[in-house]
Amino acid sequence: MARSLDVVVLGASGHGMVVCDILLSGGEDTRVIGFADADPSKRGTQVLGLTVIGAIDDLRGRDDLHVAMGIGDNAARRREFVRLAALGLRPVTVVHPSAVVSARAAIGRGTVIMANVTINVAAEIGDNVILNTASSIDHHCVVGAHSHIAPGATLAGNVRIADETLVGAGAVILPGISIGAHCTVAAGAVVTGNVPDGVTVAGVPARVISSSASVPRNVRV
């Protein structure tokens, strides 16, 4: 009989609870042994009937454990993902049973795929990505590492999302569009043109509302 996979969920707040709930529905081959969280006030508390066993540093060298990424913020999730290797811990990819994932899609380490997500053929999903509830990733899309595609967001065919970008709830990215790194696409936006790095866009059609670069406001994208 195959040995069960022992998993700790990193992050004991709402997002981590959702990740844990997916794992608990994963069958006998997965055993969730608890949560890890940097907040010392959470140590010893119970979340979904499981104990917060301390910070992730307390698990240093536990090569028998896998870690599910339960942190919603992209930057914080990236930092913790990078630290896992130094701690001798391994990220695990989490997939909800209701997700539809093409066998010809590539999924990175530590990525979380939530309920009713669709990932179509030849899509490439990077490490440590969140594909949130009912998001849709069409054929030949690329989603960069540490990004978050929020609930109900739609990426049409051949869309490219660079690293550490947030695509908000219900947003639509039209076919062939590229979104840069460290961008935010606001909830409900419809993106009709390419978006450079470090830009926040909103509206229908989407326009620039803020930028860390020299991109003027109110430019339609």
N, C-alpha and C. Protein backbone atom coordinates (compact mmCIF):
# COMPACT_ATOMS: atom_id res chain seq x y z
N MET A 1 0.85 -1.20 0.00
CA MET A 1 0.00 0.00 0.00
C MET A 1 0.89 1.25 0.00
N ALA A 2 0.54 2.24 -0.83
CA ALA A 2 1.33 3.47 -0.91
C ALA A 2 1.21 4.27 0.39
N ARG A 3 2.31 4.87 0.79
CA ARG A 3 2.32 5.69 1.99
C ARG A 3 1.60 7.00 1.74
N SER A 4 0.82 7.45 2.73
CA SER A 4 0.10 8.71 2.58
C SER A 4 1.07 9.87 2.57
N LEU A 5 0.64 10.97 1.95
CA LEU A 5 1.44 12.18 1.85
C LEU A 5 1.11 13.06 3.05
N ASP A 6 2.11 13.36 3.88
CA ASP A 6 1.91 14.22 5.04
C ASP A 6 2.11 15.67 4.64
N VAL A 7 1.09 16.50 4.89
CA VAL A 7 1.09 17.88 4.41
C VAL A 7 0.80 18.84 5.55
N VAL A 8 1.55 19.94 5.58
CA VAL A 8 1.28 21.08 6.45
C VAL A 8 0.81 22.23 5.57
N VAL A 9 -0.25 22.92 5.98
CA VAL A 9 -0.73 24.09 5.25
C VAL A 9 -0.06 25.32 5.82
N LEU A 10 0.62 26.09 4.97
CA LEU A 10 1.31 27.31 5.38
C LEU A 10 0.35 28.48 5.25
N GLY A 11 -0.11 28.98 6.40
CA GLY A 11 -1.09 30.06 6.43
C GLY A 11 -2.38 29.58 7.05
N ALA A 12 -2.73 30.13 8.23
CA ALA A 12 -3.89 29.64 8.97
C ALA A 12 -5.04 30.63 8.97
N SER A 13 -5.13 31.44 7.89
CA SER A 13 -6.26 32.36 7.74
C SER A 13 -7.24 31.80 6.70
N GLY A 14 -8.09 32.66 6.16
CA GLY A 14 -9.17 32.19 5.29
C GLY A 14 -8.69 31.44 4.07
N HIS A 15 -7.67 31.97 3.39
CA HIS A 15 -7.20 31.30 2.18
C HIS A 15 -6.61 29.93 2.53
N GLY A 16 -5.86 29.88 3.62
CA GLY A 16 -5.31 28.61 4.05
C GLY A 16 -6.38 27.60 4.39
N MET A 17 -7.49 28.06 4.94
CA MET A 17 -8.59 27.15 5.25
C MET A 17 -9.17 26.53 3.98
N VAL A 18 -9.28 27.34 2.93
CA VAL A 18 -9.79 26.81 1.66
C VAL A 18 -8.84 25.75 1.11
N VAL A 19 -7.54 26.03 1.16
CA VAL A 19 -6.55 25.06 0.69
C VAL A 19 -6.64 23.78 1.51
N CYS A 20 -6.75 23.92 2.82
CA CYS A 20 -6.87 22.75 3.69
C CYS A 20 -8.12 21.95 3.35
N ASP A 21 -9.21 22.63 3.10
CA ASP A 21 -10.47 21.95 2.77
C ASP A 21 -10.32 21.11 1.50
N ILE A 22 -9.57 21.63 0.51
CA ILE A 22 -9.31 20.85 -0.70
C ILE A 22 -8.52 19.59 -0.35
N LEU A 23 -7.49 19.75 0.46
CA LEU A 23 -6.68 18.59 0.84
C LEU A 23 -7.49 17.55 1.59
N LEU A 24 -8.38 18.01 2.47
CA LEU A 24 -9.19 17.08 3.25
C LEU A 24 -10.15 16.29 2.38
N SER A 25 -10.44 16.81 1.17
CA SER A 25 -11.31 16.09 0.24
C SER A 25 -10.51 15.22 -0.72
N GLY A 26 -9.19 15.15 -0.51
CA GLY A 26 -8.31 14.48 -1.47
C GLY A 26 -8.19 12.99 -1.32
N GLY A 27 -8.80 12.40 -0.29
CA GLY A 27 -8.75 10.95 -0.14
C GLY A 27 -7.70 10.49 0.84
N GLU A 28 -7.55 9.18 0.93
CA GLU A 28 -6.70 8.57 1.94
C GLU A 28 -5.21 8.76 1.67
N ASP A 29 -4.84 9.18 0.46
CA ASP A 29 -3.42 9.32 0.15
C ASP A 29 -2.84 10.64 0.64
N THR A 30 -3.68 11.50 1.26
CA THR A 30 -3.21 12.78 1.80
C THR A 30 -3.61 12.88 3.26
N ARG A 31 -2.65 13.23 4.11
CA ARG A 31 -2.94 13.44 5.52
C ARG A 31 -2.47 14.82 5.92
N VAL A 32 -3.42 15.69 6.29
CA VAL A 32 -3.07 17.04 6.74
C VAL A 32 -2.76 16.96 8.22
N ILE A 33 -1.53 17.32 8.59
CA ILE A 33 -1.15 17.17 10.00
C ILE A 33 -1.27 18.47 10.78
N GLY A 34 -1.57 19.59 10.10
CA GLY A 34 -1.78 20.84 10.80
C GLY A 34 -1.43 22.04 9.94
N PHE A 35 -1.43 23.20 10.57
CA PHE A 35 -1.11 24.46 9.92
C PHE A 35 0.21 25.00 10.47
N ALA A 36 0.90 25.79 9.65
CA ALA A 36 2.02 26.60 10.11
C ALA A 36 1.68 28.06 9.84
N ASP A 37 2.03 28.93 10.78
CA ASP A 37 1.71 30.35 10.63
C ASP A 37 2.71 31.17 11.44
N ALA A 38 3.17 32.28 10.87
CA ALA A 38 4.17 33.12 11.52
C ALA A 38 3.62 33.90 12.71
N ASP A 39 2.31 34.01 12.83
CA ASP A 39 1.69 34.76 13.92
C ASP A 39 1.76 33.93 15.20
N PRO A 40 2.57 34.37 16.18
CA PRO A 40 2.72 33.56 17.40
C PRO A 40 1.44 33.38 18.19
N SER A 41 0.49 34.31 18.02
CA SER A 41 -0.77 34.20 18.76
C SER A 41 -1.63 33.03 18.28
N LYS A 42 -1.31 32.52 17.09
CA LYS A 42 -2.09 31.40 16.56
C LYS A 42 -1.55 30.04 16.99
N ARG A 43 -0.33 30.00 17.49
CA ARG A 43 0.27 28.72 17.89
C ARG A 43 -0.62 27.99 18.90
N GLY A 44 -0.89 26.74 18.61
CA GLY A 44 -1.69 25.92 19.51
C GLY A 44 -3.18 26.04 19.31
N THR A 45 -3.63 27.02 18.50
CA THR A 45 -5.05 27.15 18.24
C THR A 45 -5.51 26.10 17.22
N GLN A 46 -6.82 25.95 17.12
CA GLN A 46 -7.40 24.96 16.22
C GLN A 46 -8.07 25.66 15.03
N VAL A 47 -7.79 25.14 13.83
CA VAL A 47 -8.41 25.62 12.60
C VAL A 47 -8.90 24.38 11.84
N LEU A 48 -10.18 24.33 11.60
CA LEU A 48 -10.80 23.16 10.95
C LEU A 48 -10.46 21.86 11.69
N GLY A 49 -10.36 21.97 12.99
CA GLY A 49 -10.06 20.81 13.80
C GLY A 49 -8.61 20.38 13.80
N LEU A 50 -7.73 21.20 13.20
CA LEU A 50 -6.30 20.89 13.13
C LEU A 50 -5.51 21.96 13.89
N THR A 51 -4.37 21.58 14.41
CA THR A 51 -3.59 22.48 15.27
C THR A 51 -2.63 23.33 14.45
N VAL A 52 -2.52 24.61 14.84
CA VAL A 52 -1.45 25.47 14.31
C VAL A 52 -0.20 25.12 15.10
N ILE A 53 0.76 24.48 14.45
CA ILE A 53 1.89 23.88 15.16
C ILE A 53 3.06 24.83 15.33
N GLY A 54 2.94 26.04 14.81
CA GLY A 54 4.00 27.04 14.95
C GLY A 54 4.35 27.64 13.61
N ALA A 55 5.50 28.30 13.55
CA ALA A 55 5.96 28.91 12.31
C ALA A 55 6.59 27.84 11.42
N ILE A 56 6.72 28.16 10.14
CA ILE A 56 7.30 27.20 9.21
C ILE A 56 8.74 26.89 9.59
N ASP A 57 9.44 27.81 10.21
CA ASP A 57 10.83 27.57 10.64
C ASP A 57 10.92 26.41 11.63
N ASP A 58 9.86 26.17 12.38
CA ASP A 58 9.87 25.08 13.36
C ASP A 58 9.90 23.72 12.69
N LEU A 59 9.68 23.68 11.37
CA LEU A 59 9.66 22.41 10.64
C LEU A 59 10.94 22.20 9.84
N ARG A 60 11.95 23.01 10.09
CA ARG A 60 13.21 22.92 9.34
C ARG A 60 13.73 21.48 9.32
N GLY A 61 14.08 21.03 8.10
CA GLY A 61 14.69 19.72 7.95
C GLY A 61 13.74 18.55 7.97
N ARG A 62 12.43 18.81 8.09
CA ARG A 62 11.46 17.72 8.10
C ARG A 62 11.21 17.26 6.66
N ASP A 63 12.12 16.44 6.15
CA ASP A 63 12.01 16.04 4.74
C ASP A 63 10.89 15.03 4.51
N ASP A 64 10.21 14.63 5.57
CA ASP A 64 9.03 13.77 5.41
C ASP A 64 7.77 14.57 5.13
N LEU A 65 7.87 15.89 5.23
CA LEU A 65 6.68 16.74 5.08
C LEU A 65 6.64 17.44 3.73
N HIS A 66 5.42 17.66 3.25
CA HIS A 66 5.17 18.55 2.12
C HIS A 66 4.40 19.77 2.65
N VAL A 67 4.51 20.88 1.93
CA VAL A 67 3.86 22.13 2.36
C VAL A 67 2.91 22.60 1.28
N ALA A 68 1.66 22.84 1.67
CA ALA A 68 0.67 23.44 0.79
C ALA A 68 0.63 24.94 1.05
N MET A 69 0.72 25.73 -0.02
CA MET A 69 0.80 27.18 0.11
C MET A 69 -0.59 27.77 0.36
N GLY A 70 -0.81 28.24 1.59
CA GLY A 70 -2.11 28.78 1.96
C GLY A 70 -2.08 30.27 2.20
N ILE A 71 -1.20 30.99 1.50
CA ILE A 71 -1.05 32.45 1.63
C ILE A 71 -1.60 33.11 0.38
N GLY A 72 -2.49 34.08 0.55
CA GLY A 72 -3.12 34.71 -0.60
C GLY A 72 -2.29 35.81 -1.24
N ASP A 73 -1.60 36.63 -0.45
CA ASP A 73 -0.83 37.75 -0.97
C ASP A 73 0.33 37.25 -1.81
N ASN A 74 0.45 37.75 -3.03
CA ASN A 74 1.48 37.25 -3.96
C ASN A 74 2.90 37.43 -3.43
N ALA A 75 3.22 38.63 -2.96
CA ALA A 75 4.60 38.89 -2.52
C ALA A 75 4.96 38.03 -1.31
N ALA A 76 4.06 37.95 -0.34
CA ALA A 76 4.33 37.14 0.84
C ALA A 76 4.43 35.66 0.47
N ARG A 77 3.58 35.22 -0.42
CA ARG A 77 3.62 33.81 -0.84
C ARG A 77 4.92 33.50 -1.57
N ARG A 78 5.41 34.43 -2.40
CA ARG A 78 6.70 34.23 -3.08
C ARG A 78 7.83 34.10 -2.06
N ARG A 79 7.87 35.01 -1.09
CA ARG A 79 8.94 34.98 -0.09
C ARG A 79 8.97 33.63 0.65
N GLU A 80 7.81 33.17 1.05
CA GLU A 80 7.77 31.92 1.80
C GLU A 80 8.10 30.72 0.91
N PHE A 81 7.68 30.77 -0.34
CA PHE A 81 8.00 29.69 -1.27
C PHE A 81 9.51 29.56 -1.46
N VAL A 82 10.18 30.70 -1.59
CA VAL A 82 11.63 30.69 -1.78
C VAL A 82 12.33 30.12 -0.55
N ARG A 83 11.77 30.37 0.64
CA ARG A 83 12.38 29.91 1.87
C ARG A 83 12.26 28.40 2.07
N LEU A 84 11.29 27.77 1.43
CA LEU A 84 11.04 26.35 1.69
C LEU A 84 12.27 25.49 1.42
N ALA A 85 12.94 25.76 0.32
CA ALA A 85 14.12 24.95 -0.03
C ALA A 85 15.19 25.06 1.04
N ALA A 86 15.40 26.27 1.56
CA ALA A 86 16.41 26.46 2.60
C ALA A 86 16.05 25.71 3.88
N LEU A 87 14.75 25.51 4.08
CA LEU A 87 14.29 24.81 5.27
C LEU A 87 14.21 23.30 5.06
N GLY A 88 14.50 22.85 3.85
CA GLY A 88 14.43 21.43 3.56
C GLY A 88 13.03 20.92 3.41
N LEU A 89 12.09 21.79 3.00
CA LEU A 89 10.68 21.42 2.84
C LEU A 89 10.29 21.48 1.37
N ARG A 90 9.26 20.72 1.03
CA ARG A 90 8.87 20.58 -0.36
C ARG A 90 7.44 21.08 -0.58
N PRO A 91 7.24 21.96 -1.57
CA PRO A 91 5.87 22.42 -1.87
C PRO A 91 5.09 21.32 -2.58
N VAL A 92 3.81 21.26 -2.30
CA VAL A 92 2.94 20.29 -2.95
C VAL A 92 1.90 21.04 -3.78
N THR A 93 1.55 20.49 -4.93
CA THR A 93 0.50 21.06 -5.77
C THR A 93 -0.84 20.52 -5.31
N VAL A 94 -1.82 21.41 -5.19
CA VAL A 94 -3.13 21.06 -4.65
C VAL A 94 -4.17 21.29 -5.74
N VAL A 95 -4.98 20.26 -6.02
CA VAL A 95 -5.99 20.35 -7.09
C VAL A 95 -7.33 19.88 -6.54
N HIS A 96 -8.34 20.74 -6.63
CA HIS A 96 -9.68 20.36 -6.18
C HIS A 96 -10.25 19.28 -7.10
N PRO A 97 -10.98 18.32 -6.55
CA PRO A 97 -11.52 17.24 -7.39
C PRO A 97 -12.45 17.70 -8.52
N SER A 98 -13.06 18.87 -8.37
CA SER A 98 -13.98 19.35 -9.41
C SER A 98 -13.28 20.11 -10.53
N ALA A 99 -11.99 20.39 -10.38
CA ALA A 99 -11.26 21.13 -11.42
C ALA A 99 -11.11 20.25 -12.67
N VAL A 100 -11.15 20.90 -13.83
CA VAL A 100 -10.95 20.21 -15.10
C VAL A 100 -9.60 20.67 -15.65
N VAL A 101 -8.62 19.77 -15.61
CA VAL A 101 -7.25 20.11 -15.98
C VAL A 101 -6.81 19.20 -17.12
N SER A 102 -6.50 19.79 -18.26
CA SER A 102 -6.04 19.00 -19.39
C SER A 102 -4.79 18.20 -19.02
N ALA A 103 -4.75 16.97 -19.46
CA ALA A 103 -3.55 16.15 -19.28
C ALA A 103 -2.38 16.70 -20.06
N ARG A 104 -2.63 17.61 -20.97
CA ARG A 104 -1.58 18.22 -21.78
C ARG A 104 -1.32 19.67 -21.38
N ALA A 105 -1.65 19.99 -20.12
CA ALA A 105 -1.27 21.27 -19.51
C ALA A 105 -0.12 21.01 -18.53
N ALA A 106 0.73 22.02 -18.32
CA ALA A 106 1.85 21.90 -17.38
C ALA A 106 1.54 22.72 -16.14
N ILE A 107 1.68 22.10 -14.96
CA ILE A 107 1.35 22.75 -13.70
C ILE A 107 2.59 22.77 -12.82
N GLY A 108 2.92 23.95 -12.28
CA GLY A 108 4.12 24.11 -11.48
C GLY A 108 3.98 23.65 -10.04
N ARG A 109 5.10 23.63 -9.34
CA ARG A 109 5.16 23.20 -7.95
C ARG A 109 4.46 24.21 -7.03
N GLY A 110 3.74 23.70 -6.05
CA GLY A 110 3.14 24.56 -5.05
C GLY A 110 1.93 25.34 -5.51
N THR A 111 1.47 25.07 -6.72
CA THR A 111 0.28 25.76 -7.24
C THR A 111 -0.98 25.17 -6.61
N VAL A 112 -1.98 26.04 -6.41
CA VAL A 112 -3.27 25.61 -5.87
C VAL A 112 -4.35 25.87 -6.91
N ILE A 113 -5.09 24.82 -7.25
CA ILE A 113 -6.15 24.88 -8.25
C ILE A 113 -7.46 24.59 -7.53
N MET A 114 -8.33 25.59 -7.46
CA MET A 114 -9.51 25.50 -6.62
C MET A 114 -10.73 24.96 -7.38
N ALA A 115 -11.85 24.94 -6.70
CA ALA A 115 -13.06 24.29 -7.23
C ALA A 115 -13.49 24.91 -8.55
N ASN A 116 -13.88 24.03 -9.49
CA ASN A 116 -14.49 24.42 -10.77
C ASN A 116 -13.57 25.23 -11.68
N VAL A 117 -12.28 25.14 -11.45
CA VAL A 117 -11.31 25.75 -12.37
C VAL A 117 -11.23 24.90 -13.64
N THR A 118 -11.03 25.57 -14.78
CA THR A 118 -10.78 24.88 -16.04
C THR A 118 -9.43 25.32 -16.59
N ILE A 119 -8.58 24.34 -16.92
CA ILE A 119 -7.29 24.60 -17.55
C ILE A 119 -7.24 23.78 -18.83
N ASN A 120 -7.15 24.47 -19.96
CA ASN A 120 -7.24 23.78 -21.24
C ASN A 120 -5.86 23.40 -21.79
N VAL A 121 -5.90 22.73 -22.92
CA VAL A 121 -4.72 22.10 -23.52
C VAL A 121 -3.59 23.10 -23.76
N ALA A 122 -2.37 22.66 -23.48
CA ALA A 122 -1.14 23.42 -23.75
C ALA A 122 -0.99 24.66 -22.88
N ALA A 123 -1.80 24.80 -21.85
CA ALA A 123 -1.59 25.89 -20.89
C ALA A 123 -0.37 25.57 -20.02
N GLU A 124 0.33 26.62 -19.58
CA GLU A 124 1.49 26.46 -18.72
C GLU A 124 1.29 27.32 -17.47
N ILE A 125 1.20 26.67 -16.33
CA ILE A 125 0.99 27.35 -15.07
C ILE A 125 2.27 27.24 -14.25
N GLY A 126 2.80 28.38 -13.81
CA GLY A 126 4.09 28.39 -13.11
C GLY A 126 4.00 27.91 -11.68
N ASP A 127 5.13 27.99 -10.99
CA ASP A 127 5.21 27.61 -9.59
C ASP A 127 4.43 28.58 -8.71
N ASN A 128 3.78 28.01 -7.66
CA ASN A 128 3.25 28.82 -6.56
C ASN A 128 2.15 29.79 -7.02
N VAL A 129 1.36 29.35 -7.99
CA VAL A 129 0.25 30.14 -8.53
C VAL A 129 -1.04 29.78 -7.80
N ILE A 130 -1.95 30.74 -7.65
CA ILE A 130 -3.32 30.47 -7.22
C ILE A 130 -4.24 30.60 -8.42
N LEU A 131 -4.93 29.53 -8.75
CA LEU A 131 -6.04 29.58 -9.70
C LEU A 131 -7.30 29.42 -8.87
N ASN A 132 -7.94 30.55 -8.62
CA ASN A 132 -9.02 30.56 -7.64
C ASN A 132 -10.35 30.07 -8.25
N THR A 133 -11.35 29.99 -7.40
CA THR A 133 -12.60 29.31 -7.71
C THR A 133 -13.19 29.74 -9.05
N ALA A 134 -13.47 28.74 -9.92
CA ALA A 134 -14.18 28.93 -11.18
C ALA A 134 -13.45 29.84 -12.17
N SER A 135 -12.16 30.02 -12.00
CA SER A 135 -11.40 30.74 -13.03
C SER A 135 -11.19 29.83 -14.23
N SER A 136 -10.95 30.44 -15.40
CA SER A 136 -10.85 29.69 -16.65
C SER A 136 -9.57 30.09 -17.38
N ILE A 137 -8.74 29.09 -17.66
CA ILE A 137 -7.46 29.30 -18.33
C ILE A 137 -7.51 28.55 -19.65
N ASP A 138 -7.59 29.26 -20.75
CA ASP A 138 -7.82 28.59 -22.03
C ASP A 138 -6.50 28.12 -22.65
N HIS A 139 -6.60 27.57 -23.84
CA HIS A 139 -5.47 26.91 -24.49
C HIS A 139 -4.28 27.85 -24.69
N HIS A 140 -3.08 27.30 -24.52
CA HIS A 140 -1.81 27.99 -24.76
C HIS A 140 -1.61 29.24 -23.89
N CYS A 141 -2.35 29.36 -22.80
CA CYS A 141 -2.08 30.46 -21.87
C CYS A 141 -0.83 30.13 -21.04
N VAL A 142 -0.16 31.18 -20.60
CA VAL A 142 0.98 31.06 -19.70
C VAL A 142 0.72 31.95 -18.49
N VAL A 143 0.77 31.36 -17.30
CA VAL A 143 0.60 32.13 -16.06
C VAL A 143 1.90 32.03 -15.28
N GLY A 144 2.55 33.18 -15.04
CA GLY A 144 3.86 33.20 -14.40
C GLY A 144 3.81 32.86 -12.92
N ALA A 145 4.96 32.54 -12.37
CA ALA A 145 5.10 32.14 -10.98
C ALA A 145 4.57 33.20 -10.02
N HIS A 146 3.97 32.72 -8.92
CA HIS A 146 3.52 33.55 -7.80
C HIS A 146 2.37 34.49 -8.17
N SER A 147 1.68 34.20 -9.27
CA SER A 147 0.53 35.01 -9.66
C SER A 147 -0.75 34.45 -9.05
N HIS A 148 -1.81 35.25 -9.15
CA HIS A 148 -3.11 34.86 -8.59
C HIS A 148 -4.18 35.22 -9.61
N ILE A 149 -4.89 34.22 -10.10
CA ILE A 149 -6.05 34.42 -10.97
C ILE A 149 -7.28 34.25 -10.08
N ALA A 150 -7.98 35.33 -9.82
CA ALA A 150 -9.02 35.36 -8.79
C ALA A 150 -10.31 34.68 -9.26
N PRO A 151 -11.26 34.49 -8.34
CA PRO A 151 -12.50 33.77 -8.68
C PRO A 151 -13.21 34.34 -9.91
N GLY A 152 -13.59 33.44 -10.81
CA GLY A 152 -14.39 33.81 -11.97
C GLY A 152 -13.66 34.55 -13.06
N ALA A 153 -12.35 34.74 -12.94
CA ALA A 153 -11.59 35.43 -13.99
C ALA A 153 -11.42 34.51 -15.19
N THR A 154 -11.36 35.11 -16.38
CA THR A 154 -11.26 34.35 -17.62
C THR A 154 -10.06 34.81 -18.42
N LEU A 155 -9.18 33.87 -18.73
CA LEU A 155 -8.07 34.11 -19.65
C LEU A 155 -8.39 33.39 -20.95
N ALA A 156 -8.64 34.15 -22.02
CA ALA A 156 -8.91 33.56 -23.31
C ALA A 156 -7.62 32.97 -23.89
N GLY A 157 -7.70 32.38 -25.06
CA GLY A 157 -6.56 31.67 -25.61
C GLY A 157 -5.33 32.53 -25.81
N ASN A 158 -4.14 31.92 -25.57
CA ASN A 158 -2.85 32.55 -25.84
C ASN A 158 -2.58 33.79 -25.00
N VAL A 159 -3.18 33.89 -23.85
CA VAL A 159 -2.88 35.00 -22.93
C VAL A 159 -1.61 34.66 -22.15
N ARG A 160 -0.80 35.68 -21.90
CA ARG A 160 0.43 35.51 -21.11
C ARG A 160 0.38 36.44 -19.91
N ILE A 161 0.52 35.86 -18.72
CA ILE A 161 0.55 36.61 -17.47
C ILE A 161 1.93 36.43 -16.87
N ALA A 162 2.66 37.51 -16.63
CA ALA A 162 4.01 37.41 -16.08
C ALA A 162 3.96 37.20 -14.57
N ASP A 163 5.13 37.10 -13.94
CA ASP A 163 5.23 36.72 -12.54
C ASP A 163 4.59 37.74 -11.60
N GLU A 164 4.02 37.19 -10.53
CA GLU A 164 3.53 37.95 -9.38
C GLU A 164 2.49 39.01 -9.77
N THR A 165 1.58 38.61 -10.63
CA THR A 165 0.50 39.50 -11.08
C THR A 165 -0.83 38.98 -10.54
N LEU A 166 -1.72 39.91 -10.21
CA LEU A 166 -3.06 39.59 -9.74
C LEU A 166 -4.08 39.94 -10.82
N VAL A 167 -4.87 38.97 -11.23
CA VAL A 167 -6.01 39.19 -12.12
C VAL A 167 -7.26 39.05 -11.26
N GLY A 168 -7.98 40.17 -11.09
CA GLY A 168 -9.07 40.23 -10.13
C GLY A 168 -10.30 39.43 -10.50
N ALA A 169 -11.19 39.30 -9.54
CA ALA A 169 -12.40 38.50 -9.70
C ALA A 169 -13.22 38.97 -10.89
N GLY A 170 -13.61 38.03 -11.73
CA GLY A 170 -14.48 38.33 -12.86
C GLY A 170 -13.83 39.08 -14.00
N ALA A 171 -12.54 39.34 -13.93
CA ALA A 171 -11.86 40.04 -15.03
C ALA A 171 -11.78 39.13 -16.25
N VAL A 172 -11.69 39.77 -17.42
CA VAL A 172 -11.59 39.04 -18.69
C VAL A 172 -10.37 39.57 -19.44
N ILE A 173 -9.49 38.67 -19.85
CA ILE A 173 -8.34 39.02 -20.65
C ILE A 173 -8.56 38.45 -22.05
N LEU A 174 -8.62 39.32 -23.06
CA LEU A 174 -8.95 38.88 -24.41
C LEU A 174 -7.79 38.08 -25.04
N PRO A 175 -8.09 37.32 -26.11
CA PRO A 175 -7.09 36.42 -26.69
C PRO A 175 -5.80 37.13 -27.10
N GLY A 176 -4.68 36.48 -26.83
CA GLY A 176 -3.39 36.95 -27.29
C GLY A 176 -2.78 38.09 -26.50
N ILE A 177 -3.44 38.53 -25.42
CA ILE A 177 -2.96 39.68 -24.64
C ILE A 177 -1.85 39.24 -23.70
N SER A 178 -0.88 40.12 -23.47
CA SER A 178 0.18 39.90 -22.50
C SER A 178 0.06 40.90 -21.36
N ILE A 179 0.15 40.39 -20.13
CA ILE A 179 0.12 41.22 -18.92
C ILE A 179 1.48 41.10 -18.26
N GLY A 180 2.09 42.23 -17.89
CA GLY A 180 3.44 42.23 -17.34
C GLY A 180 3.51 41.71 -15.92
N ALA A 181 4.72 41.75 -15.36
CA ALA A 181 4.96 41.32 -13.98
C ALA A 181 4.50 42.39 -12.99
N HIS A 182 4.09 41.94 -11.80
CA HIS A 182 3.72 42.83 -10.69
C HIS A 182 2.59 43.79 -11.08
N CYS A 183 1.67 43.28 -11.89
CA CYS A 183 0.50 44.08 -12.29
C CYS A 183 -0.71 43.69 -11.46
N THR A 184 -1.71 44.57 -11.48
CA THR A 184 -3.02 44.26 -10.92
C THR A 184 -4.07 44.58 -11.96
N VAL A 185 -4.90 43.60 -12.27
CA VAL A 185 -6.07 43.80 -13.11
C VAL A 185 -7.27 43.81 -12.18
N ALA A 186 -7.97 44.93 -12.10
CA ALA A 186 -9.05 45.08 -11.14
C ALA A 186 -10.20 44.14 -11.45
N ALA A 187 -10.99 43.85 -10.43
CA ALA A 187 -12.15 43.00 -10.59
C ALA A 187 -13.07 43.54 -11.67
N GLY A 188 -13.54 42.66 -12.54
CA GLY A 188 -14.49 43.04 -13.58
C GLY A 188 -13.91 43.73 -14.78
N ALA A 189 -12.61 43.98 -14.80
CA ALA A 189 -12.00 44.66 -15.94
C ALA A 189 -12.02 43.77 -17.18
N VAL A 190 -12.04 44.42 -18.34
CA VAL A 190 -11.89 43.72 -19.62
C VAL A 190 -10.66 44.29 -20.30
N VAL A 191 -9.61 43.47 -20.40
CA VAL A 191 -8.33 43.93 -20.93
C VAL A 191 -8.26 43.61 -22.41
N THR A 192 -8.12 44.67 -23.22
CA THR A 192 -8.15 44.52 -24.67
C THR A 192 -6.79 44.76 -25.32
N GLY A 193 -5.77 45.17 -24.52
CA GLY A 193 -4.44 45.43 -25.06
C GLY A 193 -3.37 45.02 -24.06
N ASN A 194 -2.14 44.96 -24.51
CA ASN A 194 -1.05 44.54 -23.64
C ASN A 194 -0.82 45.52 -22.50
N VAL A 195 -0.39 44.98 -21.35
CA VAL A 195 -0.17 45.77 -20.14
C VAL A 195 1.28 45.62 -19.72
N PRO A 196 2.05 46.72 -19.59
CA PRO A 196 3.46 46.62 -19.18
C PRO A 196 3.61 46.29 -17.70
N ASP A 197 4.82 46.03 -17.28
CA ASP A 197 5.10 45.69 -15.88
C ASP A 197 4.67 46.80 -14.94
N GLY A 198 4.24 46.40 -13.75
CA GLY A 198 4.03 47.34 -12.66
C GLY A 198 2.85 48.27 -12.80
N VAL A 199 1.82 47.83 -13.54
CA VAL A 199 0.68 48.71 -13.85
C VAL A 199 -0.60 48.12 -13.25
N THR A 200 -1.48 49.00 -12.78
CA THR A 200 -2.82 48.62 -12.35
C THR A 200 -3.83 49.14 -13.36
N VAL A 201 -4.70 48.24 -13.83
CA VAL A 201 -5.72 48.63 -14.80
C VAL A 201 -7.09 48.27 -14.27
N ALA A 202 -8.10 49.03 -14.71
CA ALA A 202 -9.47 48.80 -14.27
C ALA A 202 -10.43 49.29 -15.35
N GLY A 203 -11.65 48.78 -15.33
CA GLY A 203 -12.70 49.29 -16.19
C GLY A 203 -12.95 48.45 -17.42
N VAL A 204 -13.98 48.88 -18.18
CA VAL A 204 -14.39 48.21 -19.42
C VAL A 204 -14.53 49.26 -20.51
N PRO A 205 -13.61 49.27 -21.50
CA PRO A 205 -12.37 48.51 -21.53
C PRO A 205 -11.39 49.02 -20.48
N ALA A 206 -10.42 48.19 -20.13
CA ALA A 206 -9.49 48.54 -19.06
C ALA A 206 -8.62 49.73 -19.43
N ARG A 207 -8.37 50.59 -18.43
CA ARG A 207 -7.47 51.72 -18.57
C ARG A 207 -6.51 51.75 -17.39
N VAL A 208 -5.36 52.38 -17.58
CA VAL A 208 -4.36 52.48 -16.51
C VAL A 208 -4.87 53.42 -15.43
N ILE A 209 -4.86 52.95 -14.18
CA ILE A 209 -5.25 53.82 -13.07
C ILE A 209 -4.07 54.13 -12.15
N SER A 210 -3.01 53.32 -12.20
CA SER A 210 -1.78 53.64 -11.48
C SER A 210 -0.65 52.84 -12.09
N SER A 211 0.59 53.35 -11.87
CA SER A 211 1.73 52.71 -12.50
C SER A 211 2.99 53.02 -11.71
N SER A 212 3.88 52.00 -11.60
CA SER A 212 5.18 52.22 -10.99
C SER A 212 6.21 52.66 -12.03
N ALA A 213 5.78 52.71 -13.29
CA ALA A 213 6.68 53.11 -14.39
C ALA A 213 6.15 54.40 -14.99
N SER A 214 6.68 54.75 -16.17
CA SER A 214 6.29 56.01 -16.80
C SER A 214 5.13 55.79 -17.78
N VAL A 215 4.09 55.11 -17.30
CA VAL A 215 2.91 54.88 -18.13
C VAL A 215 1.83 55.87 -17.69
N PRO A 216 1.35 56.74 -18.56
CA PRO A 216 0.36 57.74 -18.15
C PRO A 216 -0.93 57.10 -17.67
N ARG A 217 -1.60 57.78 -16.76
CA ARG A 217 -2.92 57.33 -16.32
C ARG A 217 -3.94 57.46 -17.46
N ASN A 218 -4.98 56.67 -17.32
CA ASN A 218 -6.16 56.74 -18.19
C ASN A 218 -5.86 56.27 -19.62
N VAL A 219 -4.70 55.68 -19.84
CA VAL A 219 -4.40 55.11 -21.14
C VAL A 219 -5.17 53.80 -21.29
N ARG A 220 -5.87 53.67 -22.37
CA ARG A 220 -6.64 52.44 -22.62
C ARG A 220 -5.70 51.30 -22.97
N VAL A 221 -5.97 50.11 -22.36
CA VAL A 221 -5.19 48.92 -22.68
C VAL A 221 -6.13 47.78 -23.07
